[in-house]
Amino acid sequence: MQNSHKIFFINIFAFVVSLQYALIIYSESTYLSKYLGSENIWIVYSAASLFSILLSLSTPVLLKNFKTTSVTKFALLLAFLNLLFLPYYTHGAFIIPAAILFTVLAEFLLLIPSIMLEHFSKSSTTGGLRGIFIAAQSGAYVLAPFLTSVIIRNFGIENMFSFGAIIILIASLFFYYTIYDLPKINLGNKDLYGSFEKIFKNHDIRNILIAQIGLSTFYCTLLIYAPFKMAEVGIDITKYLGIILPLALLNFIFIPPLLGHTEDKFKNEKPVLIFGFIGLISILILISFTNSPYLLNWAIIIFLSRTFASVTDTSISSYLFKHIDESDTGIVAIQVASQSVPYLLATPIFGLIIMKYFGLKILFLTVSLFLCFVLVFVSNIKQNHAYEYKKREGLIQNKAKNKAIKA
């Protein structure tokens, strides 16, 4: 099978896996609150984030000992069985671990196609490939709110997990018949310790991962606390989920492929990253001072927030994956793990301390100050470093070939 076909199938697989995750997360908190109480839901999300980080960091070990396809098939089977039985649980002792397992497996199954894609990635086309990959995943998040409302209205919220199981079954069959012959990922001699060592030695990779944590903190803040802010000023939350958010998420479908291809052409992500973070900081400050009850004003703010976020997300992926290769699976795992860090650490701090004692305005301003700190690291990354490295690497390889021919 040609590489272009496999890349296409990997993107389709990422879309289907993202769809089952997005389909459930929009209504999961409502379902869990029926059995656990709204005040205890943060425990589930914090625990899920912790286990997601641990599993992500364990991925290089798993892939070093087993084929990527074998690990993926097992994870798909486990996810299918978990979703199949979850609606029948009525006691917290069963619901909590099942809900945690759902999140952990969903995030793991989103990590796997990212690793697979790196197997076929070339530095000169990485931005475009990663842009399309982000768009494929984002398409699921645009479609999910509409499907969620239809399913809940016609079948009830309990059957949301059953539909998730059906989607996982579709993903399993698709994976089995299209990506079944992917070779074992070449990890070289790098383990997780070696990945951390490379991160600390390479300040560009270290800084871009700090940027990833900053972006994830922005996502975390808007996902959890922006609805509270809108409810505070009188915006109907159903209009936010049904109208504003899907329209804003369209940015993640159209911007990443175009921007990624452009960054491949001009070979410079740094100015775009700086622009993106300045935009994110501005949005947080704007939200903190906005008390407008008009839907149009909030629609513009949320649309701009996703515009800057999609620009930043694409540039982070483009820059990072141009600095690593297939053997750096540990770094990919660390990148995915870093996305869960804000949900593990920031959520309790934001919810239990800042929001409780200082209010939403100070919360958004605090996050904007944190992103200003992250911007310092972003401004210190080198431009075109990956291209210069690859060019030197290619010259060394060509010299070695010429010597071998002469010999």
Protein backbone atom coordinates (compact mmCIF):
# COMPACT_ATOMS: atom_id res chain seq x y z
CA MET A 1 0.00 0.00 0.00
CA GLN A 2 1.30 3.45 -0.92
CA ASN A 3 2.27 5.84 1.87
CA SER A 4 -0.26 8.46 0.72
CA HIS A 5 -3.06 5.91 1.13
CA LYS A 6 -1.88 4.97 4.62
CA ILE A 7 -1.65 8.62 5.66
CA PHE A 8 -5.23 9.07 4.44
CA PHE A 9 -6.39 6.02 6.41
CA ILE A 10 -4.56 7.21 9.55
CA ASN A 11 -6.40 10.54 9.33
CA ILE A 12 -9.75 8.77 8.89
CA PHE A 13 -8.98 6.56 11.88
CA ALA A 14 -8.07 9.65 13.96
CA PHE A 15 -11.40 11.23 12.93
CA VAL A 16 -13.46 8.20 13.98
CA VAL A 17 -11.65 7.79 17.32
CA SER A 18 -12.01 11.53 18.00
CA LEU A 19 -15.72 11.32 17.19
CA GLN A 20 -16.46 8.73 19.88
CA TYR A 21 -14.52 10.82 22.41
CA ALA A 22 -16.14 14.14 21.43
CA LEU A 23 -19.59 12.55 21.28
CA ILE A 24 -19.41 11.59 24.96
CA ILE A 25 -17.43 14.41 26.61
CA TYR A 26 -20.13 16.99 25.80
CA SER A 27 -22.63 15.09 27.97
CA GLU A 28 -20.40 13.00 30.25
CA SER A 29 -20.36 15.48 33.16
CA THR A 30 -24.18 15.67 33.13
CA TYR A 31 -24.41 11.87 33.21
CA LEU A 32 -21.82 11.49 35.97
CA SER A 33 -23.43 14.17 38.15
CA LYS A 34 -26.58 12.02 38.41
CA TYR A 35 -24.63 9.39 40.34
CA LEU A 36 -21.66 11.24 41.84
CA GLY A 37 -22.91 14.79 42.38
CA SER A 38 -21.56 17.80 40.47
CA GLU A 39 -19.15 18.66 43.30
CA ASN A 40 -17.29 15.33 42.91
CA ILE A 41 -16.86 15.24 39.13
CA TRP A 42 -13.46 16.98 39.26
CA ILE A 43 -12.10 13.87 41.02
CA VAL A 44 -12.89 11.76 37.93
CA TYR A 45 -11.24 14.21 35.54
CA SER A 46 -8.16 14.70 37.72
CA ALA A 47 -7.70 10.94 38.15
CA ALA A 48 -8.24 10.38 34.42
CA SER A 49 -5.61 13.01 33.63
CA LEU A 50 -3.12 11.37 35.98
CA PHE A 51 -3.59 7.90 34.47
CA SER A 52 -3.53 9.35 30.94
CA ILE A 53 -0.15 10.92 31.66
CA LEU A 54 1.18 7.62 33.06
CA LEU A 55 -0.08 5.60 30.08
CA SER A 56 1.26 8.13 27.58
CA LEU A 57 4.70 7.98 29.19
CA SER A 58 4.54 4.17 29.10
CA THR A 59 3.80 4.12 25.36
CA PRO A 60 7.48 3.87 24.22
CA VAL A 61 7.91 0.75 26.37
CA LEU A 62 4.75 -0.82 24.93
CA LEU A 63 5.74 -0.06 21.34
CA LYS A 64 9.28 -1.27 21.90
CA ASN A 65 7.99 -4.71 22.89
CA PHE A 66 4.89 -5.02 20.71
CA LYS A 67 3.79 -3.97 17.23
CA THR A 68 1.84 -0.72 17.09
CA THR A 69 -1.07 -2.53 15.42
CA SER A 70 -1.25 -5.16 18.21
CA VAL A 71 -1.29 -2.52 20.96
CA THR A 72 -3.96 -0.54 19.09
CA LYS A 73 -6.21 -3.57 18.57
CA PHE A 74 -6.05 -4.41 22.28
CA ALA A 75 -6.86 -0.80 23.27
CA LEU A 76 -9.80 -0.73 20.82
CA LEU A 77 -11.18 -3.99 22.24
CA LEU A 78 -10.89 -2.72 25.81
CA ALA A 79 -12.53 0.60 24.88
CA PHE A 80 -15.40 -1.20 23.14
CA LEU A 81 -16.13 -3.47 26.11
CA ASN A 82 -15.89 -0.58 28.59
CA LEU A 83 -18.39 1.57 26.66
CA LEU A 84 -20.67 -1.41 26.06
CA PHE A 85 -21.15 -2.11 29.78
CA LEU A 86 -20.83 1.44 31.20
CA PRO A 87 -24.54 2.41 30.76
CA TYR A 88 -25.57 -0.52 32.96
CA TYR A 89 -23.55 0.63 35.99
CA THR A 90 -25.54 2.44 38.67
CA HIS A 91 -23.07 2.55 41.56
CA GLY A 92 -20.17 5.00 41.87
CA ALA A 93 -17.75 2.14 42.63
CA PHE A 94 -18.24 0.94 39.04
CA ILE A 95 -18.98 4.24 37.29
CA ILE A 96 -15.84 6.09 38.48
CA PRO A 97 -13.25 3.54 37.22
CA ALA A 98 -15.23 3.02 33.99
CA ALA A 99 -15.36 6.78 33.33
CA ILE A 100 -11.64 7.10 34.07
CA LEU A 101 -10.86 4.16 31.77
CA PHE A 102 -12.93 5.75 28.99
CA THR A 103 -10.88 8.97 29.09
CA VAL A 104 -7.53 7.18 29.42
CA LEU A 105 -8.18 4.85 26.47
CA ALA A 106 -9.63 7.65 24.33
CA GLU A 107 -6.52 9.81 24.79
CA PHE A 108 -4.25 6.80 24.21
CA LEU A 109 -6.07 5.99 20.97
CA LEU A 110 -5.54 9.61 19.88
CA LEU A 111 -1.81 9.28 20.60
CA ILE A 112 -1.38 6.17 18.44
CA PRO A 113 -2.29 7.75 15.04
CA SER A 114 0.03 10.67 15.85
CA ILE A 115 2.91 8.21 16.30
CA MET A 116 1.89 6.33 13.14
CA LEU A 117 1.88 9.55 11.13
CA GLU A 118 5.46 10.33 12.17
CA HIS A 119 6.50 7.03 10.53
CA PHE A 120 5.63 8.57 7.13
CA SER A 121 6.54 12.19 7.87
CA LYS A 122 9.26 14.13 6.05
CA SER A 123 10.60 17.43 7.34
CA SER A 124 9.69 19.30 4.14
CA THR A 125 5.99 18.32 4.40
CA THR A 126 5.50 17.97 8.17
CA GLY A 127 3.49 21.19 8.57
CA GLY A 128 0.97 20.18 5.90
CA LEU A 129 0.65 16.62 7.25
CA ARG A 130 0.14 17.80 10.82
CA GLY A 131 -2.30 20.47 9.68
CA ILE A 132 -4.48 17.90 7.93
CA PHE A 133 -4.21 15.62 10.98
CA ILE A 134 -5.47 18.41 13.28
CA ALA A 135 -8.29 19.17 10.82
CA ALA A 136 -9.33 15.49 10.74
CA GLN A 137 -9.59 15.36 14.53
CA SER A 138 -11.32 18.74 14.72
CA GLY A 139 -13.96 17.69 12.22
CA ALA A 140 -15.21 15.22 14.83
CA TYR A 141 -15.53 17.96 17.45
CA VAL A 142 -17.56 20.11 15.03
CA LEU A 143 -19.91 17.23 14.20
CA ALA A 144 -20.24 15.84 17.74
CA PRO A 145 -22.50 18.55 19.34
CA PHE A 146 -25.16 18.01 16.68
CA LEU A 147 -25.02 14.20 17.00
CA THR A 148 -25.04 14.45 20.79
CA SER A 149 -28.22 16.55 20.83
CA VAL A 150 -29.97 14.17 18.39
CA ILE A 151 -29.00 11.05 20.38
CA ILE A 152 -29.99 12.52 23.76
CA ARG A 153 -33.29 13.81 22.41
CA ASN A 154 -34.28 10.51 20.76
CA PHE A 155 -32.55 7.82 22.82
CA GLY A 156 -31.64 9.37 26.19
CA ILE A 157 -28.30 10.30 27.70
CA GLU A 158 -27.67 6.75 28.98
CA ASN A 159 -27.43 5.43 25.41
CA MET A 160 -24.66 7.90 24.53
CA PHE A 161 -22.10 5.33 25.62
CA SER A 162 -23.74 2.63 23.48
CA PHE A 163 -23.35 4.85 20.41
CA GLY A 164 -19.73 5.43 21.46
CA ALA A 165 -19.24 1.65 21.51
CA ILE A 166 -20.67 1.39 17.98
CA ILE A 167 -18.26 4.07 16.75
CA ILE A 168 -15.32 2.25 18.40
CA LEU A 169 -16.44 -0.95 16.64
CA ILE A 170 -16.43 0.93 13.32
CA ALA A 171 -12.95 2.30 14.14
CA SER A 172 -11.76 -1.25 14.93
CA LEU A 173 -13.03 -2.69 11.66
CA PHE A 174 -11.60 0.23 9.69
CA PHE A 175 -8.23 -0.17 11.42
CA TYR A 176 -8.18 -3.93 10.88
CA TYR A 177 -8.86 -3.69 7.15
CA THR A 178 -6.78 -0.61 6.25
CA ILE A 179 -3.77 -0.16 8.59
CA TYR A 180 -3.21 -3.79 9.54
CA ASP A 181 0.26 -4.15 8.02
CA LEU A 182 1.99 -1.15 9.62
CA PRO A 183 5.51 -2.23 10.60
CA LYS A 184 6.83 -2.09 14.15
CA ILE A 185 7.81 1.47 15.02
CA ASN A 186 11.57 2.00 14.93
CA LEU A 187 12.45 3.30 18.41
CA GLY A 188 16.18 2.87 18.00
CA ASN A 189 17.95 2.78 21.36
CA LYS A 190 15.91 5.61 22.91
CA ASP A 191 13.89 4.95 26.06
CA LEU A 192 11.83 7.44 28.06
CA TYR A 193 14.91 8.55 29.99
CA GLY A 194 16.69 9.19 26.69
CA SER A 195 13.71 11.23 25.49
CA PHE A 196 13.77 13.44 28.60
CA GLU A 197 17.54 13.80 28.21
CA LYS A 198 17.11 14.98 24.61
CA ILE A 199 14.44 17.47 25.71
CA PHE A 200 16.65 19.02 28.39
CA LYS A 201 19.65 19.20 26.05
CA ASN A 202 17.69 20.67 23.12
CA HIS A 203 16.28 23.98 24.31
CA ASP A 204 14.13 24.35 21.18
CA ILE A 205 12.23 21.11 21.89
CA ARG A 206 12.01 22.01 25.59
CA ASN A 207 10.57 25.44 24.82
CA ILE A 208 8.03 24.13 22.32
CA LEU A 209 6.78 21.61 24.90
CA ILE A 210 6.39 24.47 27.39
CA ALA A 211 4.37 26.20 24.66
CA GLN A 212 2.23 23.05 24.42
CA ILE A 213 1.51 23.21 28.17
CA GLY A 214 0.60 26.89 27.79
CA LEU A 215 -1.81 26.16 24.93
CA SER A 216 -3.37 23.25 26.86
CA THR A 217 -3.88 25.55 29.86
CA PHE A 218 -5.73 27.95 27.55
CA TYR A 219 -7.91 25.09 26.25
CA CYS A 220 -8.58 23.89 29.80
CA THR A 221 -9.57 27.36 30.98
CA LEU A 222 -11.97 28.05 28.11
CA LEU A 223 -13.48 24.57 28.10
CA ILE A 224 -14.33 24.58 31.81
CA TYR A 225 -14.65 28.22 32.87
CA ALA A 226 -15.82 30.17 29.78
CA PRO A 227 -19.34 28.66 30.10
CA PHE A 228 -19.43 29.84 33.74
CA LYS A 229 -18.49 33.36 32.65
CA MET A 230 -21.18 33.39 29.96
CA ALA A 231 -23.80 32.05 32.36
CA GLU A 232 -22.76 34.79 34.80
CA VAL A 233 -23.63 37.51 32.27
CA GLY A 234 -26.84 35.81 31.09
CA ILE A 235 -25.81 33.85 27.96
CA ASP A 236 -27.83 30.65 27.35
CA ILE A 237 -25.38 27.73 27.57
CA THR A 238 -27.33 25.69 24.99
CA LYS A 239 -26.74 28.45 22.42
CA TYR A 240 -23.04 28.35 23.28
CA LEU A 241 -22.82 24.59 22.72
CA GLY A 242 -25.19 24.43 19.76
CA ILE A 243 -24.29 27.57 17.82
CA ILE A 244 -21.21 29.48 19.01
CA LEU A 245 -18.82 26.58 19.69
CA PRO A 246 -19.41 24.54 16.48
CA LEU A 247 -18.94 27.68 14.35
CA ALA A 248 -15.76 28.59 16.22
CA LEU A 249 -14.38 25.08 15.83
CA LEU A 250 -14.57 25.39 12.04
CA ASN A 251 -11.27 27.27 12.39
CA PHE A 252 -9.60 23.96 13.24
CA ILE A 253 -10.78 22.45 9.95
CA PHE A 254 -9.74 25.20 7.55
CA ILE A 255 -6.74 26.93 9.18
CA PRO A 256 -4.36 24.02 10.07
CA PRO A 257 -3.95 22.51 6.54
CA LEU A 258 -3.44 25.94 4.93
CA LEU A 259 -1.14 27.25 7.65
CA GLY A 260 0.85 24.00 7.85
CA HIS A 261 1.48 24.03 4.09
CA THR A 262 2.48 27.71 4.26
CA GLU A 263 4.95 27.02 7.10
CA ASP A 264 6.46 24.18 5.04
CA LYS A 265 6.95 26.64 2.19
CA PHE A 266 8.41 29.55 4.16
CA LYS A 267 10.15 27.38 6.81
CA ASN A 268 9.43 29.65 9.76
CA GLU A 269 6.96 28.92 12.57
CA LYS A 270 8.36 31.28 15.22
CA PRO A 271 6.63 34.56 14.18
CA VAL A 272 3.31 32.71 13.85
CA LEU A 273 3.74 31.17 17.31
CA ILE A 274 4.43 34.58 18.87
CA PHE A 275 1.41 36.04 17.07
CA GLY A 276 -0.75 33.14 18.28
CA PHE A 277 0.24 33.49 21.94
CA ILE A 278 -0.27 37.27 21.89
CA GLY A 279 -3.75 36.54 20.54
CA LEU A 280 -4.48 33.97 23.27
CA ILE A 281 -3.34 36.41 25.99
CA SER A 282 -5.51 39.17 24.50
CA ILE A 283 -8.57 36.90 24.43
CA LEU A 284 -8.17 35.96 28.10
CA ILE A 285 -7.89 39.63 29.11
CA LEU A 286 -10.91 40.46 26.94
CA ILE A 287 -13.02 37.71 28.53
CA SER A 288 -12.08 38.83 32.04
CA PHE A 289 -13.40 42.36 31.40
CA THR A 290 -16.42 41.44 29.23
CA ASN A 291 -19.79 41.65 30.95
CA SER A 292 -21.92 41.91 27.81
CA PRO A 293 -25.17 39.89 27.74
CA TYR A 294 -25.28 39.96 23.92
CA LEU A 295 -24.78 36.63 22.13
CA LEU A 296 -23.06 38.24 19.11
CA ASN A 297 -20.29 39.72 21.27
CA TRP A 298 -19.53 36.35 22.81
CA ALA A 299 -19.74 34.62 19.44
CA ILE A 300 -16.99 36.95 18.14
CA ILE A 301 -14.82 36.39 21.25
CA ILE A 302 -15.11 32.59 21.12
CA PHE A 303 -14.55 32.57 17.36
CA LEU A 304 -11.36 34.62 17.75
CA SER A 305 -10.23 32.41 20.64
CA ARG A 306 -10.41 29.32 18.42
CA THR A 307 -8.77 31.20 15.55
CA PHE A 308 -5.69 32.03 17.63
CA ALA A 309 -5.74 28.56 19.22
CA SER A 310 -5.79 26.79 15.83
CA VAL A 311 -2.90 28.96 14.59
CA THR A 312 -0.87 28.22 17.73
CA ASP A 313 -1.72 24.50 17.75
CA THR A 314 -0.70 24.04 14.12
CA SER A 315 2.59 25.91 14.57
CA ILE A 316 3.51 23.93 17.71
CA SER A 317 2.91 20.62 15.91
CA SER A 318 4.72 21.77 12.77
CA TYR A 319 7.78 22.97 14.70
CA LEU A 320 8.00 20.01 17.10
CA PHE A 321 7.63 17.24 14.53
CA LYS A 322 10.25 18.85 12.28
CA HIS A 323 12.73 18.46 15.14
CA ILE A 324 12.04 14.79 15.84
CA ASP A 325 11.68 11.56 13.90
CA GLU A 326 10.09 8.13 14.23
CA SER A 327 12.58 7.01 16.89
CA ASP A 328 11.45 9.87 19.18
CA THR A 329 8.19 8.20 20.16
CA GLY A 330 9.01 9.07 23.76
CA ILE A 331 8.92 12.78 22.93
CA VAL A 332 5.55 12.37 21.17
CA ALA A 333 4.28 10.59 24.31
CA ILE A 334 5.62 13.41 26.50
CA GLN A 335 3.91 15.97 24.27
CA VAL A 336 0.56 14.20 24.64
CA ALA A 337 1.11 13.77 28.38
CA SER A 338 1.84 17.50 28.71
CA GLN A 339 -1.64 18.22 27.31
CA SER A 340 -3.18 16.55 30.39
CA VAL A 341 -1.02 18.42 32.92
CA PRO A 342 -3.29 21.51 33.13
CA TYR A 343 -6.36 19.33 33.74
CA LEU A 344 -4.52 17.54 36.55
CA LEU A 345 -2.90 20.55 38.24
CA ALA A 346 -4.66 23.69 37.05
CA THR A 347 -8.26 22.52 37.43
CA PRO A 348 -8.13 22.04 41.23
CA ILE A 349 -6.10 25.25 41.66
CA PHE A 350 -8.45 27.28 39.44
CA GLY A 351 -11.66 25.80 40.80
CA LEU A 352 -10.87 25.34 44.50
CA ILE A 353 -8.75 28.43 45.10
CA ILE A 354 -8.80 31.21 42.49
CA MET A 355 -12.42 30.96 41.35
CA LYS A 356 -13.74 30.35 44.89
CA TYR A 357 -11.90 33.21 46.60
CA PHE A 358 -11.16 35.72 43.82
CA GLY A 359 -13.74 35.13 41.08
CA LEU A 360 -13.68 34.45 37.33
CA LYS A 361 -12.15 37.80 36.37
CA ILE A 362 -8.97 37.14 38.37
CA LEU A 363 -8.91 33.55 37.12
CA PHE A 364 -8.74 34.61 33.45
CA LEU A 365 -6.18 37.32 34.24
CA THR A 366 -4.04 34.79 36.13
CA VAL A 367 -4.00 32.46 33.13
CA SER A 368 -3.12 35.39 30.84
CA LEU A 369 -0.12 36.18 33.07
CA PHE A 370 0.96 32.54 32.89
CA LEU A 371 0.80 32.67 29.08
CA CYS A 372 2.96 35.82 29.16
CA PHE A 373 5.53 33.71 31.01
CA VAL A 374 5.22 30.98 28.36
CA LEU A 375 5.66 33.59 25.62
CA VAL A 376 9.18 34.29 26.92
CA PHE A 377 10.14 30.67 26.15
CA VAL A 378 8.41 30.79 22.76
CA SER A 379 10.37 33.90 21.79
CA ASN A 380 13.63 32.04 22.50
CA ILE A 381 13.17 29.19 20.03
CA LYS A 382 15.41 29.24 16.98
CA GLN A 383 14.06 29.87 13.51
CA ASN A 384 14.59 27.24 10.81
CA HIS A 385 16.78 25.19 13.15
CA ALA A 386 15.20 21.92 12.05
CA TYR A 387 15.81 22.69 8.38
CA GLU A 388 19.45 23.58 8.98
CA TYR A 389 19.92 20.38 10.98
CA LYS A 390 18.30 18.23 8.29
CA LYS A 391 20.39 19.97 5.64
CA ARG A 392 23.64 19.28 7.54
CA GLU A 393 22.47 15.72 8.15
CA GLY A 394 21.82 15.26 4.43
CA LEU A 395 25.26 16.66 3.50
CA ILE A 396 26.97 14.26 5.94
CA GLN A 397 25.04 11.31 4.50
CA ASN A 398 25.92 12.34 0.92
CA LYS A 399 29.62 12.63 1.82
CA ALA A 400 29.50 9.17 3.37
CA LYS A 401 27.88 7.77 0.21
CA ASN A 402 30.50 9.43 -2.01
CA LYS A 403 33.32 7.97 0.09
CA ALA A 404 31.73 4.54 -0.13
CA ILE A 405 31.42 4.82 -3.92
CA LYS A 406 35.05 5.92 -4.28
CA ALA A 407 36.20 3.10 -2.05
